[in-house]
PDB file of N, CA and C in Angstrom:
ATOM      1  N   MET A   1       7.478 -11.838  -9.358  1.00  0.00           N
ATOM      2  CA  MET A   1       6.983 -10.530  -8.978  1.00  0.00           C
ATOM      3  C   MET A   1       5.476 -10.483  -9.254  1.00  0.00           C
ATOM      4  N   THR A   2       4.756  -9.913  -8.301  1.00  0.00           N
ATOM      5  CA  THR A   2       3.316  -9.703  -8.444  1.00  0.00           C
ATOM      6  C   THR A   2       3.044  -8.209  -8.370  1.00  0.00           C
ATOM      7  N   ARG A   3       2.182  -7.735  -9.271  1.00  0.00           N
ATOM      8  CA  ARG A   3       1.828  -6.312  -9.299  1.00  0.00           C
ATOM      9  C   ARG A   3       0.316  -6.210  -9.423  1.00  0.00           C
ATOM     10  N   LEU A   4      -0.311  -5.612  -8.415  1.00  0.00           N
ATOM     11  CA  LEU A   4      -1.756  -5.418  -8.423  1.00  0.00           C
ATOM     12  C   LEU A   4      -2.063  -3.931  -8.335  1.00  0.00           C
ATOM     13  N   GLU A   5      -3.013  -3.487  -9.126  1.00  0.00           N
ATOM     14  CA  GLU A   5      -3.442  -2.092  -9.058  1.00  0.00           C
ATOM     15  C   GLU A   5      -4.640  -1.975  -8.141  1.00  0.00           C
ATOM     16  N   ALA A   6      -4.756  -0.821  -7.499  1.00  0.00           N
ATOM     17  CA  ALA A   6      -5.866  -0.561  -6.585  1.00  0.00           C
ATOM     18  C   ALA A   6      -6.128   0.937  -6.549  1.00  0.00           C
ATOM     19  N   VAL A   7      -7.330   1.290  -6.140  1.00  0.00           N
ATOM     20  CA  VAL A   7      -7.680   2.689  -5.933  1.00  0.00           C
ATOM     21  C   VAL A   7      -7.620   2.950  -4.437  1.00  0.00           C
ATOM     22  N   PHE A   8      -6.854   3.973  -4.042  1.00  0.00           N
ATOM     23  CA  PHE A   8      -6.711   4.287  -2.620  1.00  0.00           C
ATOM     24  C   PHE A   8      -8.000   4.933  -2.128  1.00  0.00           C
ATOM     25  N   ARG A   9      -8.666   4.308  -1.147  1.00  0.00           N
ATOM     26  CA  ARG A   9      -9.999   4.730  -0.749  1.00  0.00           C
ATOM     27  C   ARG A   9     -10.114   5.308   0.668  1.00  0.00           C
ATOM     28  N   ASP A  10      -9.020   5.525   1.373  1.00  0.00           N
ATOM     29  CA  ASP A  10      -9.122   6.167   2.683  1.00  0.00           C
ATOM     30  C   ASP A  10      -9.499   7.630   2.452  1.00  0.00           C
ATOM     31  N   ARG A  11     -10.542   8.096   3.110  1.00  0.00           N
ATOM     32  CA  ARG A  11     -11.073   9.433   2.807  1.00  0.00           C
ATOM     33  C   ARG A  11     -10.094  10.568   3.098  1.00  0.00           C
ATOM     34  N   TYR A  12      -9.054  10.311   3.899  1.00  0.00           N
ATOM     35  CA  TYR A  12      -8.072  11.351   4.222  1.00  0.00           C
ATOM     36  C   TYR A  12      -6.764  11.173   3.468  1.00  0.00           C
ATOM     37  N   GLY A  13      -6.728  10.282   2.518  1.00  0.00           N
ATOM     38  CA  GLY A  13      -5.494  10.015   1.799  1.00  0.00           C
ATOM     39  C   GLY A  13      -4.565   9.152   2.647  1.00  0.00           C
ATOM     40  N   LEU A  14      -3.330   9.041   2.212  1.00  0.00           N
ATOM     41  CA  LEU A  14      -2.360   8.211   2.937  1.00  0.00           C
ATOM     42  C   LEU A  14      -1.732   9.047   4.045  1.00  0.00           C
ATOM     43  N   HIS A  15      -2.316   8.975   5.221  1.00  0.00           N
ATOM     44  CA  HIS A  15      -1.884   9.737   6.387  1.00  0.00           C
ATOM     45  C   HIS A  15      -1.101   8.811   7.324  1.00  0.00           C
ATOM     46  N   PRO A  16      -0.520   9.316   8.404  1.00  0.00           N
ATOM     47  CA  PRO A  16       0.325   8.476   9.258  1.00  0.00           C
ATOM     48  C   PRO A  16      -0.352   7.210   9.803  1.00  0.00           C
ATOM     49  N   ARG A  17      -1.598   7.292  10.204  1.00  0.00           N
ATOM     50  CA  ARG A  17      -2.254   6.092  10.748  1.00  0.00           C
ATOM     51  C   ARG A  17      -2.464   5.036   9.662  1.00  0.00           C
ATOM     52  N   SER A  18      -2.887   5.462   8.482  1.00  0.00           N
ATOM     53  CA  SER A  18      -3.070   4.483   7.408  1.00  0.00           C
ATOM     54  C   SER A  18      -1.718   3.921   6.960  1.00  0.00           C
ATOM     55  N   ALA A  19      -0.676   4.751   6.964  1.00  0.00           N
ATOM     56  CA  ALA A  19       0.666   4.268   6.627  1.00  0.00           C
ATOM     57  C   ALA A  19       1.124   3.222   7.637  1.00  0.00           C
ATOM     58  N   MET A  20       0.830   3.453   8.914  1.00  0.00           N
ATOM     59  CA  MET A  20       1.202   2.482   9.946  1.00  0.00           C
ATOM     60  C   MET A  20       0.485   1.150   9.717  1.00  0.00           C
ATOM     61  N   ARG A  21      -0.789   1.197   9.377  1.00  0.00           N
ATOM     62  CA  ARG A  21      -1.542  -0.043   9.123  1.00  0.00           C
ATOM     63  C   ARG A  21      -1.002  -0.777   7.905  1.00  0.00           C
ATOM     64  N   LEU A  22      -0.648  -0.052   6.856  1.00  0.00           N
ATOM     65  CA  LEU A  22      -0.061  -0.694   5.680  1.00  0.00           C
ATOM     66  C   LEU A  22       1.300  -1.297   6.001  1.00  0.00           C
ATOM     67  N   THR A  23       2.089  -0.577   6.794  1.00  0.00           N
ATOM     68  CA  THR A  23       3.406  -1.070   7.198  1.00  0.00           C
ATOM     69  C   THR A  23       3.269  -2.362   8.013  1.00  0.00           C
ATOM     70  N   GLN A  24       2.314  -2.391   8.937  1.00  0.00           N
ATOM     71  CA  GLN A  24       2.071  -3.598   9.732  1.00  0.00           C
ATOM     72  C   GLN A  24       1.629  -4.753   8.853  1.00  0.00           C
ATOM     73  N   ALA A  25       0.750  -4.483   7.902  1.00  0.00           N
ATOM     74  CA  ALA A  25       0.277  -5.542   7.003  1.00  0.00           C
ATOM     75  C   ALA A  25       1.430  -6.071   6.151  1.00  0.00           C
ATOM     76  N   ALA A  26       2.268  -5.185   5.626  1.00  0.00           N
ATOM     77  CA  ALA A  26       3.410  -5.608   4.809  1.00  0.00           C
ATOM     78  C   ALA A  26       4.402  -6.423   5.642  1.00  0.00           C
ATOM     79  N   GLY A  27       4.566  -6.051   6.909  1.00  0.00           N
ATOM     80  CA  GLY A  27       5.496  -6.744   7.793  1.00  0.00           C
ATOM     81  C   GLY A  27       5.082  -8.158   8.145  1.00  0.00           C
ATOM     82  N   ALA A  28       3.835  -8.507   7.888  1.00  0.00           N
ATOM     83  CA  ALA A  28       3.345  -9.855   8.190  1.00  0.00           C
ATOM     84  C   ALA A  28       3.791 -10.877   7.142  1.00  0.00           C
ATOM     85  N   PHE A  29       4.426 -10.405   6.076  1.00  0.00           N
ATOM     86  CA  PHE A  29       4.837 -11.291   4.989  1.00  0.00           C
ATOM     87  C   PHE A  29       6.348 -11.280   4.828  1.00  0.00           C
ATOM     88  N   HIS A  30       6.878 -12.339   4.236  1.00  0.00           N
ATOM     89  CA  HIS A  30       8.319 -12.438   3.998  1.00  0.00           C
ATOM     90  C   HIS A  30       8.751 -11.693   2.741  1.00  0.00           C
ATOM     91  N   SER A  31       7.830 -11.487   1.823  1.00  0.00           N
ATOM     92  CA  SER A  31       8.151 -10.852   0.547  1.00  0.00           C
ATOM     93  C   SER A  31       8.497  -9.380   0.712  1.00  0.00           C
ATOM     94  N   ARG A  32       9.252  -8.880  -0.246  1.00  0.00           N
ATOM     95  CA  ARG A  32       9.515  -7.448  -0.332  1.00  0.00           C
ATOM     96  C   ARG A  32       8.253  -6.794  -0.886  1.00  0.00           C
ATOM     97  N   VAL A  33       7.813  -5.714  -0.283  1.00  0.00           N
ATOM     98  CA  VAL A  33       6.563  -5.062  -0.682  1.00  0.00           C
ATOM     99  C   VAL A  33       6.823  -3.577  -0.909  1.00  0.00           C
ATOM    100  N   SER A  34       6.353  -3.078  -2.051  1.00  0.00           N
ATOM    101  CA  SER A  34       6.454  -1.658  -2.317  1.00  0.00           C
ATOM    102  C   SER A  34       5.134  -1.159  -2.901  1.00  0.00           C
ATOM    103  N   VAL A  35       4.956   0.145  -2.811  1.00  0.00           N
ATOM    104  CA  VAL A  35       3.762   0.797  -3.342  1.00  0.00           C
ATOM    105  C   VAL A  35       4.228   1.813  -4.370  1.00  0.00           C
ATOM    106  N   GLU A  36       3.637   1.748  -5.553  1.00  0.00           N
ATOM    107  CA  GLU A  36       3.922   2.742  -6.593  1.00  0.00           C
ATOM    108  C   GLU A  36       2.811   3.773  -6.561  1.00  0.00           C
ATOM    109  N   GLY A  37       3.196   5.022  -6.410  1.00  0.00           N
ATOM    110  CA  GLY A  37       2.226   6.106  -6.396  1.00  0.00           C
ATOM    111  C   GLY A  37       1.697   6.383  -7.786  1.00  0.00           C
ATOM    112  N   PRO A  38       0.737   7.297  -7.898  1.00  0.00           N
ATOM    113  CA  PRO A  38       0.161   7.615  -9.207  1.00  0.00           C
ATOM    114  C   PRO A  38       1.177   8.219 -10.181  1.00  0.00           C
ATOM    115  N   ASP A  39       2.276   8.747  -9.653  1.00  0.00           N
ATOM    116  CA  ASP A  39       3.317   9.317 -10.512  1.00  0.00           C
ATOM    117  C   ASP A  39       4.365   8.283 -10.924  1.00  0.00           C
ATOM    118  N   GLY A  40       4.185   7.019 -10.482  1.00  0.00           N
ATOM    119  CA  GLY A  40       5.103   5.943 -10.859  1.00  0.00           C
ATOM    120  C   GLY A  40       6.275   5.739  -9.923  1.00  0.00           C
ATOM    121  N   ARG A  41       6.454   6.648  -8.949  1.00  0.00           N
ATOM    122  CA  ARG A  41       7.558   6.467  -7.994  1.00  0.00           C
ATOM    123  C   ARG A  41       7.234   5.313  -7.054  1.00  0.00           C
ATOM    124  N   SER A  42       8.257   4.613  -6.608  1.00  0.00           N
ATOM    125  CA  SER A  42       8.093   3.452  -5.744  1.00  0.00           C
ATOM    126  C   SER A  42       8.486   3.793  -4.311  1.00  0.00           C
ATOM    127  N   PHE A  43       7.696   3.273  -3.354  1.00  0.00           N
ATOM    128  CA  PHE A  43       7.913   3.537  -1.932  1.00  0.00           C
ATOM    129  C   PHE A  43       7.897   2.223  -1.163  1.00  0.00           C
ATOM    130  N   ASP A  44       8.812   2.077  -0.231  1.00  0.00           N
ATOM    131  CA  ASP A  44       8.915   0.878   0.593  1.00  0.00           C
ATOM    132  C   ASP A  44       7.699   0.780   1.513  1.00  0.00           C
ATOM    133  N   ALA A  45       6.928  -0.292   1.392  1.00  0.00           N
ATOM    134  CA  ALA A  45       5.715  -0.455   2.195  1.00  0.00           C
ATOM    135  C   ALA A  45       6.011  -0.817   3.646  1.00  0.00           C
ATOM    136  N   ARG A  46       7.272  -1.079   3.976  1.00  0.00           N
ATOM    137  CA  ARG A  46       7.628  -1.366   5.367  1.00  0.00           C
ATOM    138  C   ARG A  46       8.168  -0.124   6.081  1.00  0.00           C
ATOM    139  N   SER A  47       8.134   1.007   5.401  1.00  0.00           N
ATOM    140  CA  SER A  47       8.621   2.257   5.976  1.00  0.00           C
ATOM    141  C   SER A  47       7.476   3.266   6.031  1.00  0.00           C
ATOM    142  N   MET A  48       7.043   3.571   7.243  1.00  0.00           N
ATOM    143  CA  MET A  48       5.947   4.509   7.421  1.00  0.00           C
ATOM    144  C   MET A  48       6.302   5.879   6.833  1.00  0.00           C
ATOM    145  N   ILE A  49       7.507   6.337   7.062  1.00  0.00           N
ATOM    146  CA  ILE A  49       7.935   7.642   6.552  1.00  0.00           C
ATOM    147  C   ILE A  49       7.942   7.648   5.029  1.00  0.00           C
ATOM    148  N   SER A  50       8.398   6.570   4.436  1.00  0.00           N
ATOM    149  CA  SER A  50       8.400   6.465   2.984  1.00  0.00           C
ATOM    150  C   SER A  50       6.973   6.547   2.444  1.00  0.00           C
ATOM    151  N   LEU A  51       6.053   5.826   3.059  1.00  0.00           N
ATOM    152  CA  LEU A  51       4.661   5.832   2.604  1.00  0.00           C
ATOM    153  C   LEU A  51       4.015   7.209   2.747  1.00  0.00           C
ATOM    154  N   VAL A  52       4.228   7.859   3.882  1.00  0.00           N
ATOM    155  CA  VAL A  52       3.639   9.179   4.097  1.00  0.00           C
ATOM    156  C   VAL A  52       4.182  10.181   3.072  1.00  0.00           C
ATOM    157  N   SER A  53       5.443  10.041   2.721  1.00  0.00           N
ATOM    158  CA  SER A  53       6.045  10.959   1.759  1.00  0.00           C
ATOM    159  C   SER A  53       5.536  10.750   0.332  1.00  0.00           C
ATOM    160  N   ALA A  54       4.807   9.667   0.102  1.00  0.00           N
ATOM    161  CA  ALA A  54       4.305   9.370  -1.245  1.00  0.00           C
ATOM    162  C   ALA A  54       3.246  10.362  -1.704  1.00  0.00           C
ATOM    163  N   GLY A  55       2.559  11.006  -0.777  1.00  0.00           N
ATOM    164  CA  GLY A  55       1.547  11.990  -1.141  1.00  0.00           C
ATOM    165  C   GLY A  55       0.328  11.393  -1.836  1.00  0.00           C
ATOM    166  N   ILE A  56      -0.022  10.175  -1.490  1.00  0.00           N
ATOM    167  CA  ILE A  56      -1.162   9.507  -2.115  1.00  0.00           C
ATOM    168  C   ILE A  56      -2.461  10.061  -1.544  1.00  0.00           C
ATOM    169  N   ARG A  57      -3.384  10.383  -2.436  1.00  0.00           N
ATOM    170  CA  ARG A  57      -4.668  10.972  -2.041  1.00  0.00           C
ATOM    171  C   ARG A  57      -5.814  10.017  -2.327  1.00  0.00           C
ATOM    172  N   THR A  58      -6.943  10.323  -1.747  1.00  0.00           N
ATOM    173  CA  THR A  58      -8.149   9.544  -1.985  1.00  0.00           C
ATOM    174  C   THR A  58      -8.445   9.508  -3.481  1.00  0.00           C
ATOM    175  N   GLY A  59      -8.710   8.317  -3.987  1.00  0.00           N
ATOM    176  CA  GLY A  59      -9.042   8.153  -5.400  1.00  0.00           C
ATOM    177  C   GLY A  59      -7.850   7.931  -6.311  1.00  0.00           C
ATOM    178  N   ASP A  60      -6.622   8.069  -5.783  1.00  0.00           N
ATOM    179  CA  ASP A  60      -5.436   7.821  -6.602  1.00  0.00           C
ATOM    180  C   ASP A  60      -5.325   6.337  -6.926  1.00  0.00           C
ATOM    181  N   ARG A  61      -4.925   6.050  -8.157  1.00  0.00           N
ATOM    182  CA  ARG A  61      -4.661   4.671  -8.563  1.00  0.00           C
ATOM    183  C   ARG A  61      -3.202   4.371  -8.245  1.00  0.00           C
ATOM    184  N   ILE A  62      -2.990   3.330  -7.452  1.00  0.00           N
ATOM    185  CA  ILE A  62      -1.638   2.939  -7.059  1.00  0.00           C
ATOM    186  C   ILE A  62      -1.405   1.489  -7.468  1.00  0.00           C
ATOM    187  N   ALA A  63      -0.175   1.043  -7.336  1.00  0.00           N
ATOM    188  CA  ALA A  63       0.156  -0.359  -7.597  1.00  0.00           C
ATOM    189  C   ALA A  63       0.872  -0.914  -6.378  1.00  0.00           C
ATOM    190  N   ILE A  64       0.541  -2.133  -6.038  1.00  0.00           N
ATOM    191  CA  ILE A  64       1.216  -2.853  -4.956  1.00  0.00           C
ATOM    192  C   ILE A  64       2.106  -3.884  -5.636  1.00  0.00           C
ATOM    193  N   VAL A  65       3.394  -3.797  -5.377  1.00  0.00           N
ATOM    194  CA  VAL A  65       4.362  -4.667  -6.034  1.00  0.00           C
ATOM    195  C   VAL A  65       5.047  -5.506  -4.970  1.00  0.00           C
ATOM    196  N   THR A  66       5.010  -6.820  -5.156  1.00  0.00           N
ATOM    197  CA  THR A  66       5.606  -7.729  -4.184  1.00  0.00           C
ATOM    198  C   THR A  66       6.544  -8.697  -4.890  1.00  0.00           C
ATOM    199  N   GLU A  67       7.546  -9.135  -4.150  1.00  0.00           N
ATOM    200  CA  GLU A  67       8.474 -10.112  -4.695  1.00  0.00           C
ATOM    201  C   GLU A  67       8.989 -10.988  -3.563  1.00  0.00           C
ATOM    202  N   GLY A  68       8.789 -12.297  -3.711  1.00  0.00           N
ATOM    203  CA  GLY A  68       9.254 -13.228  -2.693  1.00  0.00           C
ATOM    204  C   GLY A  68       8.366 -14.452  -2.605  1.00  0.00           C
ATOM    205  N   GLU A  69       8.596 -15.231  -1.568  1.00  0.00           N
ATOM    206  CA  GLU A  69       7.926 -16.526  -1.448  1.00  0.00           C
ATOM    207  C   GLU A  69       6.413 -16.444  -1.249  1.00  0.00           C
ATOM    208  N   ASP A  70       5.922 -15.390  -0.637  1.00  0.00           N
ATOM    209  CA  ASP A  70       4.476 -15.248  -0.411  1.00  0.00           C
ATOM    210  C   ASP A  70       3.925 -13.996  -1.091  1.00  0.00           C
ATOM    211  N   GLU A  71       4.494 -13.673  -2.244  1.00  0.00           N
ATOM    212  CA  GLU A  71       4.167 -12.425  -2.930  1.00  0.00           C
ATOM    213  C   GLU A  71       2.699 -12.290  -3.312  1.00  0.00           C
ATOM    214  N   ALA A  72       2.069 -13.345  -3.776  1.00  0.00           N
ATOM    215  CA  ALA A  72       0.664 -13.255  -4.191  1.00  0.00           C
ATOM    216  C   ALA A  72      -0.237 -12.944  -3.000  1.00  0.00           C
ATOM    217  N   ASP A  73       0.012 -13.624  -1.888  1.00  0.00           N
ATOM    218  CA  ASP A  73      -0.789 -13.381  -0.683  1.00  0.00           C
ATOM    219  C   ASP A  73      -0.565 -11.965  -0.144  1.00  0.00           C
ATOM    220  N   ALA A  74       0.679 -11.515  -0.162  1.00  0.00           N
ATOM    221  CA  ALA A  74       0.995 -10.167   0.326  1.00  0.00           C
ATOM    222  C   ALA A  74       0.325  -9.108  -0.531  1.00  0.00           C
ATOM    223  N   ALA A  75       0.420  -9.245  -1.838  1.00  0.00           N
ATOM    224  CA  ALA A  75      -0.176  -8.260  -2.741  1.00  0.00           C
ATOM    225  C   ALA A  75      -1.687  -8.206  -2.563  1.00  0.00           C
ATOM    226  N   GLU A  76      -2.319  -9.350  -2.464  1.00  0.00           N
ATOM    227  CA  GLU A  76      -3.779  -9.384  -2.317  1.00  0.00           C
ATOM    228  C   GLU A  76      -4.212  -8.813  -0.970  1.00  0.00           C
ATOM    229  N   ALA A  77      -3.496  -9.106   0.089  1.00  0.00           N
ATOM    230  CA  ALA A  77      -3.849  -8.585   1.415  1.00  0.00           C
ATOM    231  C   ALA A  77      -3.770  -7.057   1.435  1.00  0.00           C
ATOM    232  N   LEU A  78      -2.717  -6.506   0.862  1.00  0.00           N
ATOM    233  CA  LEU A  78      -2.585  -5.047   0.833  1.00  0.00           C
ATOM    234  C   LEU A  78      -3.598  -4.415  -0.114  1.00  0.00           C
ATOM    235  N   ARG A  79      -3.876  -5.066  -1.230  1.00  0.00           N
ATOM    236  CA  ARG A  79      -4.885  -4.540  -2.150  1.00  0.00           C
ATOM    237  C   ARG A  79      -6.245  -4.449  -1.466  1.00  0.00           C
ATOM    238  N   GLN A  80      -6.606  -5.499  -0.738  1.00  0.00           N
ATOM    239  CA  GLN A  80      -7.889  -5.495  -0.033  1.00  0.00           C
ATOM    240  C   GLN A  80      -7.943  -4.384   1.013  1.00  0.00           C
ATOM    241  N   LEU A  81      -6.850  -4.198   1.738  1.00  0.00           N
ATOM    242  CA  LEU A  81      -6.800  -3.148   2.754  1.00  0.00           C
ATOM    243  C   LEU A  81      -6.953  -1.763   2.125  1.00  0.00           C
ATOM    244  N   VAL A  82      -6.267  -1.522   1.033  1.00  0.00           N
ATOM    245  CA  VAL A  82      -6.328  -0.233   0.329  1.00  0.00           C
ATOM    246  C   VAL A  82      -7.723   0.010  -0.219  1.00  0.00           C
ATOM    247  N   GLU A  83      -8.299  -1.002  -0.848  1.00  0.00           N
ATOM    248  CA  GLU A  83      -9.630  -0.857  -1.448  1.00  0.00           C
ATOM    249  C   GLU A  83     -10.723  -0.706  -0.388  1.00  0.00           C
ATOM    250  N   ALA A  84     -10.491  -1.244   0.820  1.00  0.00           N
ATOM    251  CA  ALA A  84     -11.469  -1.143   1.904  1.00  0.00           C
ATOM    252  C   ALA A  84     -11.414   0.218   2.619  1.00  0.00           C
ATOM    253  N   GLY A  85     -10.357   0.981   2.377  1.00  0.00           N
ATOM    254  CA  GLY A  85     -10.265   2.304   2.982  1.00  0.00           C
ATOM    255  C   GLY A  85      -9.291   2.401   4.126  1.00  0.00           C
ATOM    256  N   VAL A  86      -8.486   1.408   4.350  1.00  0.00           N
ATOM    257  CA  VAL A  86      -7.444   1.352   5.380  1.00  0.00           C
ATOM    258  C   VAL A  86      -8.012   1.717   6.758  1.00  0.00           C
ATOM    259  N   CYS A  87      -8.140   2.989   7.071  1.00  0.00           N
ATOM    260  CA  CYS A  87      -8.644   3.436   8.376  1.00  0.00           C
ATOM    261  C   CYS A  87     -10.003   4.101   8.295  1.00  0.00           C
ATOM    262  N   HIS A  88     -10.219   4.878   7.251  1.00  0.00           N
ATOM    263  CA  HIS A  88     -11.442   5.682   7.098  1.00  0.00           C
ATOM    264  C   HIS A  88     -12.007   5.462   5.704  1.00  0.00           C
ATOM    265  N   PRO A  89     -12.872   4.479   5.530  1.00  0.00           N
ATOM    266  CA  PRO A  89     -13.425   4.231   4.186  1.00  0.00           C
ATOM    267  C   PRO A  89     -14.070   5.476   3.600  1.00  0.00           C
ATOM    268  N   ALA A  90     -13.799   5.711   2.343  1.00  0.00           N
ATOM    269  CA  ALA A  90     -14.337   6.894   1.649  1.00  0.00           C
ATOM    270  C   ALA A  90     -15.803   6.713   1.311  1.00  0.00           C
TER     271      ALA A  90
END
């Protein structure tokens, strides 16, 4: 299992378009990928609805948790996307 922390930097928070981009990025890997919100709840990174329901806002500290054969690469790819601002850099 790999767990990386990141600060969510999309200026509009985790909205449907940014959730779709995260879902697409997570889908490129074989590992199971989840996102832990600032409240510690875990959300499936391959489910756009799950991600949108997380209520993640700009500046929230989240964790990307991966498990599987390419977990390190998956965690780092999603961390970079989150830190870069997904769709709208802050």
